[in-house]
Amino acid sequence: MGKDDLTILSEMLISILIVAVISGCTSRVDKTNEKSDRDIAISKCSQICKSLLSNKTNLSNGPCISNEIINDWVCDIAHNPRIPIDNNPENQCSAYREKKAHHFVELTETCEFIRAI
């Protein structure tokens, strides 16, 4: 192999490494955005729940409190552990039931976090 061949080979390896690094960075950004949406949804759901409680709203029947807390996320109240009333469709967010939203945050009737899916 001559000097020109080594230069071309080195340039090709550098190009491959650059593409690999850029690809890796892009996928990490996407995962960060997903986590960020989840965190934002949890925070906003909690804020709405606390506001409702401060206004003396009764949340004991496990109502949906937002059909769009953020895009594609709803905010629902449930019992922990779940009780039969939590499974009543009228107490679940219609946007989630109708597949208009694909994620939900569940809080207790005292605004404690249960889960986010």
Protein backbone atom coordinates (compact mmCIF):
# COMPACT_ATOMS: atom_id res chain seq x y z
CA MET A 1 0.00 0.00 0.00
CA GLY A 2 1.28 3.39 -0.98
CA LYS A 3 1.05 6.65 0.91
CA ASP A 4 -1.98 7.77 -1.17
CA ASP A 5 -3.80 4.52 -0.35
CA LEU A 6 -3.22 5.06 3.39
CA THR A 7 -4.52 8.65 3.11
CA ILE A 8 -7.70 7.48 1.35
CA LEU A 9 -8.17 4.68 3.89
CA SER A 10 -7.69 7.12 6.79
CA GLU A 11 -10.22 9.55 5.29
CA MET A 12 -12.75 6.75 4.84
CA LEU A 13 -12.33 5.60 8.45
CA ILE A 14 -12.73 9.17 9.72
CA SER A 15 -15.90 9.58 7.65
CA ILE A 16 -17.33 6.34 9.02
CA LEU A 17 -16.56 7.43 12.59
CA ILE A 18 -18.21 10.82 12.05
CA VAL A 19 -21.38 9.16 10.71
CA ALA A 20 -21.43 6.74 13.66
CA VAL A 21 -21.05 9.57 16.18
CA ILE A 22 -23.77 11.67 14.55
CA SER A 23 -26.15 8.69 14.44
CA GLY A 24 -25.53 7.96 18.11
CA CYS A 25 -26.19 11.57 19.10
CA THR A 26 -29.45 11.70 17.18
CA SER A 27 -30.91 8.65 18.91
CA ARG A 28 -29.98 10.02 22.34
CA VAL A 29 -31.77 13.29 21.57
CA ASP A 30 -34.95 11.38 20.65
CA LYS A 31 -34.87 9.42 23.93
CA THR A 32 -34.35 12.65 25.87
CA ASN A 33 -37.40 14.22 24.20
CA GLU A 34 -39.59 11.23 25.11
CA LYS A 35 -38.54 11.47 28.73
CA SER A 36 -39.07 15.21 28.66
CA ASP A 37 -42.65 14.84 27.39
CA ARG A 38 -43.36 12.35 30.17
CA ASP A 39 -41.91 14.65 32.81
CA ILE A 40 -43.84 17.64 31.48
CA ALA A 41 -47.08 15.65 31.43
CA ILE A 42 -46.56 14.49 35.02
CA SER A 43 -45.81 18.01 36.19
CA LYS A 44 -48.81 19.58 34.44
CA CYS A 45 -51.13 16.82 35.61
CA SER A 46 -49.98 17.37 39.18
CA GLN A 47 -50.49 21.14 38.89
CA ILE A 48 -54.05 20.75 37.61
CA CYS A 49 -54.86 18.18 40.30
CA LYS A 50 -53.56 20.45 43.09
CA SER A 51 -55.51 23.37 41.67
CA LEU A 52 -58.70 21.31 41.67
CA LEU A 53 -58.07 20.21 45.26
CA SER A 54 -57.49 23.80 46.38
CA ASN A 55 -60.88 24.65 44.83
CA LYS A 56 -62.44 21.82 46.90
CA THR A 57 -63.22 19.67 43.83
CA ASN A 58 -64.18 16.13 44.81
CA LEU A 59 -61.85 13.69 43.03
CA SER A 60 -62.95 10.57 44.94
CA ASN A 61 -64.76 9.02 41.95
CA GLY A 62 -61.55 8.98 39.89
CA PRO A 63 -62.43 11.42 37.11
CA CYS A 64 -60.43 12.34 34.06
CA ILE A 65 -59.11 15.82 34.76
CA SER A 66 -57.61 16.55 31.34
CA ASN A 67 -58.07 14.94 27.92
CA GLU A 68 -54.91 16.67 26.70
CA ILE A 69 -52.44 17.62 29.40
CA ILE A 70 -49.93 17.91 26.55
CA ASN A 71 -50.11 16.51 23.04
CA ASP A 72 -50.92 12.76 23.16
CA TRP A 73 -51.16 12.66 27.01
CA VAL A 74 -54.20 12.66 29.32
CA CYS A 75 -54.43 13.12 33.08
CA ASP A 76 -56.57 10.74 35.11
CA ILE A 77 -57.34 10.22 38.79
CA ALA A 78 -57.40 6.66 40.16
CA HIS A 79 -57.18 4.90 43.47
CA ASN A 80 -54.02 3.21 44.64
CA PRO A 81 -54.60 0.30 44.76
CA ARG A 82 -57.21 0.42 42.01
CA ILE A 83 -60.86 -0.21 42.86
CA PRO A 84 -63.73 -1.14 40.50
CA ILE A 85 -64.81 2.50 39.99
CA ASP A 86 -61.43 3.17 38.33
CA ASN A 87 -62.38 0.76 35.55
CA ASN A 88 -65.64 2.54 34.70
CA PRO A 89 -65.28 4.07 31.23
CA GLU A 90 -67.07 7.25 32.36
CA ASN A 91 -64.25 7.79 34.88
CA GLN A 92 -61.49 7.36 32.31
CA CYS A 93 -60.30 9.95 29.84
CA SER A 94 -62.31 9.73 26.64
CA ALA A 95 -59.33 10.76 24.52
CA TYR A 96 -57.42 7.71 25.78
CA ARG A 97 -60.41 5.36 25.40
CA GLU A 98 -60.96 6.59 21.83
CA LYS A 99 -57.22 6.30 21.05
CA LYS A 100 -56.90 10.03 20.37
CA ALA A 101 -54.21 10.06 23.05
CA HIS A 102 -51.78 7.21 23.59
CA HIS A 103 -50.29 8.08 26.99
CA PHE A 104 -51.69 8.82 30.40
CA VAL A 105 -50.63 10.08 33.81
CA GLU A 106 -52.45 8.62 36.78
CA LEU A 107 -52.56 10.37 40.14
CA THR A 108 -54.38 9.54 43.35
CA GLU A 109 -57.29 11.66 44.52
CA THR A 110 -54.75 13.53 46.71
CA CYS A 111 -52.51 14.20 43.68
CA GLU A 112 -49.86 11.61 44.46
CA PHE A 113 -48.17 10.09 41.42
CA ILE A 114 -49.19 6.51 40.56
CA ARG A 115 -47.84 5.93 37.05
CA ALA A 116 -47.28 7.40 33.60
CA ILE A 117 -47.52 5.24 30.51
